[in-house]
Amino acid sequence: MYGVNIGSHKKFVFVTDRENALMNAIEKHFPNATHLLCRRHIQKDVEAWAKKTMKRGDIEETLAHGRWKRLVRSSTN
């Protein structure tokens, strides 16, 4: 959890994995907080999905050199 002072208010930002109990607690106790998912956990989930559903040669092309890498490094503006 990170706290940031904005004027007289403190804004909370939580970075977690996708653990449902924790996400529910954040929503209940900090309804105005920003919740972000950990990029490393997302990467691990995508890699596991790719191994189950893709051909071996396509995995590296998609994850390391292809669409996934461009998506992760893209600007959100």
PDB file of N, CA and C in Angstrom:
ATOM      1  N   MET A   1       0.850  -1.159   0.000  1.00  0.00           N
ATOM      2  CA  MET A   1       0.000   0.000   0.000  1.00  0.00           C
ATOM      3  C   MET A   1       0.903   1.230   0.000  1.00  0.00           C
ATOM      4  N   TYR A   2       0.538   2.185  -0.792  1.00  0.00           N
ATOM      5  CA  TYR A   2       1.246   3.448  -0.853  1.00  0.00           C
ATOM      6  C   TYR A   2       0.255   4.549  -0.505  1.00  0.00           C
ATOM      7  N   GLY A   3       0.670   5.501   0.300  1.00  0.00           N
ATOM      8  CA  GLY A   3      -0.174   6.643   0.611  1.00  0.00           C
ATOM      9  C   GLY A   3       0.423   7.893   0.004  1.00  0.00           C
ATOM     10  N   VAL A   4      -0.391   8.676  -0.630  1.00  0.00           N
ATOM     11  CA  VAL A   4       0.061   9.906  -1.270  1.00  0.00           C
ATOM     12  C   VAL A   4      -0.796  11.049  -0.750  1.00  0.00           C
ATOM     13  N   ASN A   5      -0.168  12.091  -0.258  1.00  0.00           N
ATOM     14  CA  ASN A   5      -0.916  13.256   0.194  1.00  0.00           C
ATOM     15  C   ASN A   5      -1.264  14.143  -0.989  1.00  0.00           C
ATOM     16  N   ILE A   6      -2.551  14.425  -1.131  1.00  0.00           N
ATOM     17  CA  ILE A   6      -3.031  15.335  -2.170  1.00  0.00           C
ATOM     18  C   ILE A   6      -3.838  16.401  -1.444  1.00  0.00           C
ATOM     19  N   GLY A   7      -3.203  17.557  -1.240  1.00  0.00           N
ATOM     20  CA  GLY A   7      -3.855  18.587  -0.447  1.00  0.00           C
ATOM     21  C   GLY A   7      -4.030  18.081   0.976  1.00  0.00           C
ATOM     22  N   SER A   8      -5.237  18.173   1.499  1.00  0.00           N
ATOM     23  CA  SER A   8      -5.508  17.700   2.856  1.00  0.00           C
ATOM     24  C   SER A   8      -5.990  16.252   2.877  1.00  0.00           C
ATOM     25  N   HIS A   9      -6.025  15.620   1.708  1.00  0.00           N
ATOM     26  CA  HIS A   9      -6.505  14.243   1.603  1.00  0.00           C
ATOM     27  C   HIS A   9      -5.342  13.297   1.324  1.00  0.00           C
ATOM     28  N   LYS A  10      -5.493  12.086   1.805  1.00  0.00           N
ATOM     29  CA  LYS A  10      -4.498  11.062   1.515  1.00  0.00           C
ATOM     30  C   LYS A  10      -5.126  10.059   0.559  1.00  0.00           C
ATOM     31  N   LYS A  11      -4.484   9.821  -0.572  1.00  0.00           N
ATOM     32  CA  LYS A  11      -4.955   8.882  -1.591  1.00  0.00           C
ATOM     33  C   LYS A  11      -4.155   7.599  -1.444  1.00  0.00           C
ATOM     34  N   PHE A  12      -4.861   6.460  -1.368  1.00  0.00           N
ATOM     35  CA  PHE A  12      -4.199   5.172  -1.212  1.00  0.00           C
ATOM     36  C   PHE A  12      -4.160   4.420  -2.533  1.00  0.00           C
ATOM     37  N   VAL A  13      -3.020   3.776  -2.781  1.00  0.00           N
ATOM     38  CA  VAL A  13      -2.840   2.936  -3.954  1.00  0.00           C
ATOM     39  C   VAL A  13      -2.367   1.576  -3.464  1.00  0.00           C
ATOM     40  N   PHE A  14      -3.079   0.528  -3.873  1.00  0.00           N
ATOM     41  CA  PHE A  14      -2.721  -0.841  -3.505  1.00  0.00           C
ATOM     42  C   PHE A  14      -2.269  -1.585  -4.743  1.00  0.00           C
ATOM     43  N   VAL A  15      -1.158  -2.295  -4.632  1.00  0.00           N
ATOM     44  CA  VAL A  15      -0.664  -3.162  -5.703  1.00  0.00           C
ATOM     45  C   VAL A  15      -0.672  -4.579  -5.152  1.00  0.00           C
ATOM     46  N   THR A  16      -1.463  -5.458  -5.788  1.00  0.00           N
ATOM     47  CA  THR A  16      -1.615  -6.816  -5.276  1.00  0.00           C
ATOM     48  C   THR A  16      -1.566  -7.823  -6.417  1.00  0.00           C
ATOM     49  N   ASP A  17      -1.562  -9.098  -6.034  1.00  0.00           N
ATOM     50  CA  ASP A  17      -1.843 -10.133  -7.011  1.00  0.00           C
ATOM     51  C   ASP A  17      -3.371 -10.198  -7.124  1.00  0.00           C
ATOM     52  N   ARG A  18      -3.903 -11.176  -7.748  1.00  0.00           N
ATOM     53  CA  ARG A  18      -5.339 -11.227  -7.975  1.00  0.00           C
ATOM     54  C   ARG A  18      -6.030 -12.084  -6.908  1.00  0.00           C
ATOM     55  N   GLU A  19      -5.704 -11.876  -5.651  1.00  0.00           N
ATOM     56  CA  GLU A  19      -6.260 -12.658  -4.554  1.00  0.00           C
ATOM     57  C   GLU A  19      -7.597 -12.036  -4.151  1.00  0.00           C
ATOM     58  N   ASN A  20      -8.685 -12.789  -4.325  1.00  0.00           N
ATOM     59  CA  ASN A  20     -10.038 -12.256  -4.168  1.00  0.00           C
ATOM     60  C   ASN A  20     -10.326 -11.690  -2.787  1.00  0.00           C
ATOM     61  N   ALA A  21      -9.919 -12.364  -1.724  1.00  0.00           N
ATOM     62  CA  ALA A  21     -10.200 -11.879  -0.375  1.00  0.00           C
ATOM     63  C   ALA A  21      -9.549 -10.520  -0.138  1.00  0.00           C
ATOM     64  N   LEU A  22      -8.320 -10.369  -0.593  1.00  0.00           N
ATOM     65  CA  LEU A  22      -7.621  -9.101  -0.433  1.00  0.00           C
ATOM     66  C   LEU A  22      -8.284  -8.000  -1.262  1.00  0.00           C
ATOM     67  N   MET A  23      -8.648  -8.325  -2.497  1.00  0.00           N
ATOM     68  CA  MET A  23      -9.316  -7.335  -3.347  1.00  0.00           C
ATOM     69  C   MET A  23     -10.647  -6.894  -2.740  1.00  0.00           C
ATOM     70  N   ASN A  24     -11.411  -7.839  -2.180  1.00  0.00           N
ATOM     71  CA  ASN A  24     -12.684  -7.508  -1.531  1.00  0.00           C
ATOM     72  C   ASN A  24     -12.471  -6.631  -0.302  1.00  0.00           C
ATOM     73  N   ALA A  25     -11.441  -6.928   0.487  1.00  0.00           N
ATOM     74  CA  ALA A  25     -11.154  -6.127   1.678  1.00  0.00           C
ATOM     75  C   ALA A  25     -10.766  -4.699   1.298  1.00  0.00           C
ATOM     76  N   ILE A  26      -9.964  -4.549   0.260  1.00  0.00           N
ATOM     77  CA  ILE A  26      -9.576  -3.211  -0.197  1.00  0.00           C
ATOM     78  C   ILE A  26     -10.816  -2.436  -0.622  1.00  0.00           C
ATOM     79  N   GLU A  27     -11.681  -3.079  -1.399  1.00  0.00           N
ATOM     80  CA  GLU A  27     -12.890  -2.418  -1.874  1.00  0.00           C
ATOM     81  C   GLU A  27     -13.797  -2.011  -0.714  1.00  0.00           C
ATOM     82  N   LYS A  28     -13.901  -2.866   0.290  1.00  0.00           N
ATOM     83  CA  LYS A  28     -14.775  -2.579   1.432  1.00  0.00           C
ATOM     84  C   LYS A  28     -14.219  -1.483   2.333  1.00  0.00           C
ATOM     85  N   HIS A  29     -12.937  -1.561   2.677  1.00  0.00           N
ATOM     86  CA  HIS A  29     -12.355  -0.664   3.671  1.00  0.00           C
ATOM     87  C   HIS A  29     -11.712   0.586   3.073  1.00  0.00           C
ATOM     88  N   PHE A  30     -11.380   0.547   1.803  1.00  0.00           N
ATOM     89  CA  PHE A  30     -10.772   1.698   1.124  1.00  0.00           C
ATOM     90  C   PHE A  30     -11.481   1.909  -0.215  1.00  0.00           C
ATOM     91  N   PRO A  31     -12.766   2.263  -0.198  1.00  0.00           N
ATOM     92  CA  PRO A  31     -13.541   2.333  -1.442  1.00  0.00           C
ATOM     93  C   PRO A  31     -13.024   3.364  -2.450  1.00  0.00           C
ATOM     94  N   ASN A  32     -12.297   4.360  -1.989  1.00  0.00           N
ATOM     95  CA  ASN A  32     -11.787   5.392  -2.898  1.00  0.00           C
ATOM     96  C   ASN A  32     -10.345   5.153  -3.316  1.00  0.00           C
ATOM     97  N   ALA A  33      -9.780   4.044  -2.890  1.00  0.00           N
ATOM     98  CA  ALA A  33      -8.382   3.742  -3.216  1.00  0.00           C
ATOM     99  C   ALA A  33      -8.263   3.252  -4.655  1.00  0.00           C
ATOM    100  N   THR A  34      -7.085   3.417  -5.195  1.00  0.00           N
ATOM    101  CA  THR A  34      -6.762   2.868  -6.504  1.00  0.00           C
ATOM    102  C   THR A  34      -6.167   1.484  -6.288  1.00  0.00           C
ATOM    103  N   HIS A  35      -6.642   0.517  -7.068  1.00  0.00           N
ATOM    104  CA  HIS A  35      -6.131  -0.847  -6.950  1.00  0.00           C
ATOM    105  C   HIS A  35      -5.491  -1.245  -8.275  1.00  0.00           C
ATOM    106  N   LEU A  36      -4.223  -1.626  -8.215  1.00  0.00           N
ATOM    107  CA  LEU A  36      -3.489  -2.049  -9.394  1.00  0.00           C
ATOM    108  C   LEU A  36      -3.038  -3.491  -9.213  1.00  0.00           C
ATOM    109  N   LEU A  37      -2.977  -4.215 -10.313  1.00  0.00           N
ATOM    110  CA  LEU A  37      -2.465  -5.580 -10.258  1.00  0.00           C
ATOM    111  C   LEU A  37      -0.965  -5.568 -10.538  1.00  0.00           C
ATOM    112  N   CYS A  38      -0.246  -6.418  -9.839  1.00  0.00           N
ATOM    113  CA  CYS A  38       1.196  -6.541  -9.986  1.00  0.00           C
ATOM    114  C   CYS A  38       1.529  -7.063 -11.385  1.00  0.00           C
ATOM    115  N   ARG A  39       2.376  -6.340 -12.092  1.00  0.00           N
ATOM    116  CA  ARG A  39       2.726  -6.722 -13.461  1.00  0.00           C
ATOM    117  C   ARG A  39       3.425  -8.076 -13.517  1.00  0.00           C
ATOM    118  N   ARG A  40       4.218  -8.407 -12.524  1.00  0.00           N
ATOM    119  CA  ARG A  40       4.907  -9.700 -12.510  1.00  0.00           C
ATOM    120  C   ARG A  40       3.909 -10.846 -12.374  1.00  0.00           C
ATOM    121  N   HIS A  41       2.896 -10.682 -11.528  1.00  0.00           N
ATOM    122  CA  HIS A  41       1.883 -11.725 -11.394  1.00  0.00           C
ATOM    123  C   HIS A  41       1.076 -11.878 -12.681  1.00  0.00           C
ATOM    124  N   ILE A  42       0.768 -10.777 -13.325  1.00  0.00           N
ATOM    125  CA  ILE A  42       0.056 -10.844 -14.606  1.00  0.00           C
ATOM    126  C   ILE A  42       0.916 -11.592 -15.623  1.00  0.00           C
ATOM    127  N   GLN A  43       2.212 -11.280 -15.674  1.00  0.00           N
ATOM    128  CA  GLN A  43       3.127 -11.934 -16.605  1.00  0.00           C
ATOM    129  C   GLN A  43       3.147 -13.446 -16.362  1.00  0.00           C
ATOM    130  N   LYS A  44       3.222 -13.866 -15.113  1.00  0.00           N
ATOM    131  CA  LYS A  44       3.234 -15.291 -14.795  1.00  0.00           C
ATOM    132  C   LYS A  44       1.935 -15.967 -15.249  1.00  0.00           C
ATOM    133  N   ASP A  45       0.796 -15.290 -15.047  1.00  0.00           N
ATOM    134  CA  ASP A  45      -0.491 -15.852 -15.478  1.00  0.00           C
ATOM    135  C   ASP A  45      -0.555 -15.985 -16.998  1.00  0.00           C
ATOM    136  N   VAL A  46      -0.063 -14.985 -17.707  1.00  0.00           N
ATOM    137  CA  VAL A  46      -0.077 -15.024 -19.175  1.00  0.00           C
ATOM    138  C   VAL A  46       0.836 -16.142 -19.676  1.00  0.00           C
ATOM    139  N   GLU A  47       2.010 -16.287 -19.073  1.00  0.00           N
ATOM    140  CA  GLU A  47       2.933 -17.356 -19.473  1.00  0.00           C
ATOM    141  C   GLU A  47       2.305 -18.734 -19.242  1.00  0.00           C
ATOM    142  N   ALA A  48       1.645 -18.919 -18.103  1.00  0.00           N
ATOM    143  CA  ALA A  48       0.998 -20.202 -17.819  1.00  0.00           C
ATOM    144  C   ALA A  48      -0.104 -20.482 -18.830  1.00  0.00           C
ATOM    145  N   TRP A  49      -0.891 -19.470 -19.151  1.00  0.00           N
ATOM    146  CA  TRP A  49      -1.960 -19.621 -20.153  1.00  0.00           C
ATOM    147  C   TRP A  49      -1.361 -19.993 -21.510  1.00  0.00           C
ATOM    148  N   ALA A  50      -0.287 -19.303 -21.893  1.00  0.00           N
ATOM    149  CA  ALA A  50       0.330 -19.560 -23.194  1.00  0.00           C
ATOM    150  C   ALA A  50       0.853 -20.995 -23.283  1.00  0.00           C
ATOM    151  N   LYS A  51       1.466 -21.475 -22.230  1.00  0.00           N
ATOM    152  CA  LYS A  51       1.996 -22.843 -22.236  1.00  0.00           C
ATOM    153  C   LYS A  51       0.893 -23.884 -22.411  1.00  0.00           C
ATOM    154  N   LYS A  52      -0.303 -23.577 -21.893  1.00  0.00           N
ATOM    155  CA  LYS A  52      -1.423 -24.512 -22.009  1.00  0.00           C
ATOM    156  C   LYS A  52      -2.087 -24.458 -23.379  1.00  0.00           C
ATOM    157  N   THR A  53      -2.060 -23.315 -24.030  1.00  0.00           N
ATOM    158  CA  THR A  53      -2.894 -23.123 -25.221  1.00  0.00           C
ATOM    159  C   THR A  53      -2.142 -22.901 -26.526  1.00  0.00           C
ATOM    160  N   MET A  54      -0.836 -22.657 -26.481  1.00  0.00           N
ATOM    161  CA  MET A  54      -0.102 -22.305 -27.696  1.00  0.00           C
ATOM    162  C   MET A  54       0.963 -23.341 -28.019  1.00  0.00           C
ATOM    163  N   LYS A  55       1.362 -23.356 -29.275  1.00  0.00           N
ATOM    164  CA  LYS A  55       2.484 -24.187 -29.702  1.00  0.00           C
ATOM    165  C   LYS A  55       3.771 -23.581 -29.181  1.00  0.00           C
ATOM    166  N   ARG A  56       4.751 -24.436 -28.951  1.00  0.00           N
ATOM    167  CA  ARG A  56       6.012 -24.007 -28.353  1.00  0.00           C
ATOM    168  C   ARG A  56       6.655 -22.813 -29.077  1.00  0.00           C
ATOM    169  N   GLY A  57       6.771 -22.849 -30.378  1.00  0.00           N
ATOM    170  CA  GLY A  57       7.399 -21.757 -31.131  1.00  0.00           C
ATOM    171  C   GLY A  57       6.604 -20.465 -31.093  1.00  0.00           C
ATOM    172  N   ASP A  58       5.292 -20.581 -30.963  1.00  0.00           N
ATOM    173  CA  ASP A  58       4.447 -19.387 -30.928  1.00  0.00           C
ATOM    174  C   ASP A  58       4.530 -18.659 -29.597  1.00  0.00           C
ATOM    175  N   ILE A  59       4.861 -19.384 -28.539  1.00  0.00           N
ATOM    176  CA  ILE A  59       4.908 -18.764 -27.208  1.00  0.00           C
ATOM    177  C   ILE A  59       5.953 -17.654 -27.169  1.00  0.00           C
ATOM    178  N   GLU A  60       7.172 -17.961 -27.554  1.00  0.00           N
ATOM    179  CA  GLU A  60       8.231 -16.956 -27.508  1.00  0.00           C
ATOM    180  C   GLU A  60       7.925 -15.797 -28.451  1.00  0.00           C
ATOM    181  N   GLU A  61       7.444 -16.110 -29.632  1.00  0.00           N
ATOM    182  CA  GLU A  61       7.125 -15.062 -30.598  1.00  0.00           C
ATOM    183  C   GLU A  61       6.064 -14.112 -30.042  1.00  0.00           C
ATOM    184  N   THR A  62       5.076 -14.654 -29.390  1.00  0.00           N
ATOM    185  CA  THR A  62       3.983 -13.835 -28.868  1.00  0.00           C
ATOM    186  C   THR A  62       4.375 -13.098 -27.598  1.00  0.00           C
ATOM    187  N   LEU A  63       5.029 -13.786 -26.669  1.00  0.00           N
ATOM    188  CA  LEU A  63       5.333 -13.171 -25.378  1.00  0.00           C
ATOM    189  C   LEU A  63       6.575 -12.290 -25.406  1.00  0.00           C
ATOM    190  N   ALA A  64       7.663 -12.798 -25.894  1.00  0.00           N
ATOM    191  CA  ALA A  64       8.924 -12.066 -25.809  1.00  0.00           C
ATOM    192  C   ALA A  64       9.100 -11.026 -26.907  1.00  0.00           C
ATOM    193  N   HIS A  65       8.641 -11.323 -28.101  1.00  0.00           N
ATOM    194  CA  HIS A  65       8.924 -10.438 -29.228  1.00  0.00           C
ATOM    195  C   HIS A  65       7.678  -9.808 -29.836  1.00  0.00           C
ATOM    196  N   GLY A  66       6.551 -10.306 -29.481  1.00  0.00           N
ATOM    197  CA  GLY A  66       5.351  -9.921 -30.210  1.00  0.00           C
ATOM    198  C   GLY A  66       4.383  -9.041 -29.462  1.00  0.00           C
ATOM    199  N   ARG A  67       3.135  -9.388 -29.628  1.00  0.00           N
ATOM    200  CA  ARG A  67       2.035  -8.552 -29.153  1.00  0.00           C
ATOM    201  C   ARG A  67       2.062  -8.292 -27.658  1.00  0.00           C
ATOM    202  N   TRP A  68       2.353  -9.313 -26.852  1.00  0.00           N
ATOM    203  CA  TRP A  68       2.333  -9.125 -25.401  1.00  0.00           C
ATOM    204  C   TRP A  68       3.377  -8.103 -24.968  1.00  0.00           C
ATOM    205  N   LYS A  69       4.583  -8.177 -25.503  1.00  0.00           N
ATOM    206  CA  LYS A  69       5.643  -7.240 -25.136  1.00  0.00           C
ATOM    207  C   LYS A  69       5.242  -5.812 -25.517  1.00  0.00           C
ATOM    208  N   ARG A  70       4.663  -5.648 -26.693  1.00  0.00           N
ATOM    209  CA  ARG A  70       4.222  -4.305 -27.108  1.00  0.00           C
ATOM    210  C   ARG A  70       3.103  -3.797 -26.208  1.00  0.00           C
ATOM    211  N   LEU A  71       2.207  -4.679 -25.811  1.00  0.00           N
ATOM    212  CA  LEU A  71       1.113  -4.281 -24.932  1.00  0.00           C
ATOM    213  C   LEU A  71       1.633  -3.826 -23.564  1.00  0.00           C
ATOM    214  N   VAL A  72       2.533  -4.599 -22.986  1.00  0.00           N
ATOM    215  CA  VAL A  72       3.073  -4.278 -21.668  1.00  0.00           C
ATOM    216  C   VAL A  72       3.832  -2.949 -21.700  1.00  0.00           C
ATOM    217  N   ARG A  73       4.542  -2.687 -22.773  1.00  0.00           N
ATOM    218  CA  ARG A  73       5.357  -1.469 -22.859  1.00  0.00           C
ATOM    219  C   ARG A  73       4.619  -0.280 -23.463  1.00  0.00           C
ATOM    220  N   SER A  74       3.354  -0.457 -23.794  1.00  0.00           N
ATOM    221  CA  SER A  74       2.618   0.630 -24.457  1.00  0.00           C
ATOM    222  C   SER A  74       2.258   1.726 -23.460  1.00  0.00           C
ATOM    223  N   SER A  75       2.066   2.894 -23.996  1.00  0.00           N
ATOM    224  CA  SER A  75       1.647   4.046 -23.215  1.00  0.00           C
ATOM    225  C   SER A  75       0.151   3.962 -22.942  1.00  0.00           C
ATOM    226  N   THR A  76      -0.272   4.413 -21.789  1.00  0.00           N
ATOM    227  CA  THR A  76      -1.704   4.403 -21.474  1.00  0.00           C
ATOM    228  C   THR A  76      -2.354   5.752 -21.742  1.00  0.00           C
ATOM    229  N   ASN A  77      -1.616   6.658 -22.324  1.00  0.00           N
ATOM    230  CA  ASN A  77      -2.176   7.996 -22.612  1.00  0.00           C
ATOM    231  C   ASN A  77      -3.107   7.952 -23.785  1.00  0.00           C
TER     232      ASN A  77
END
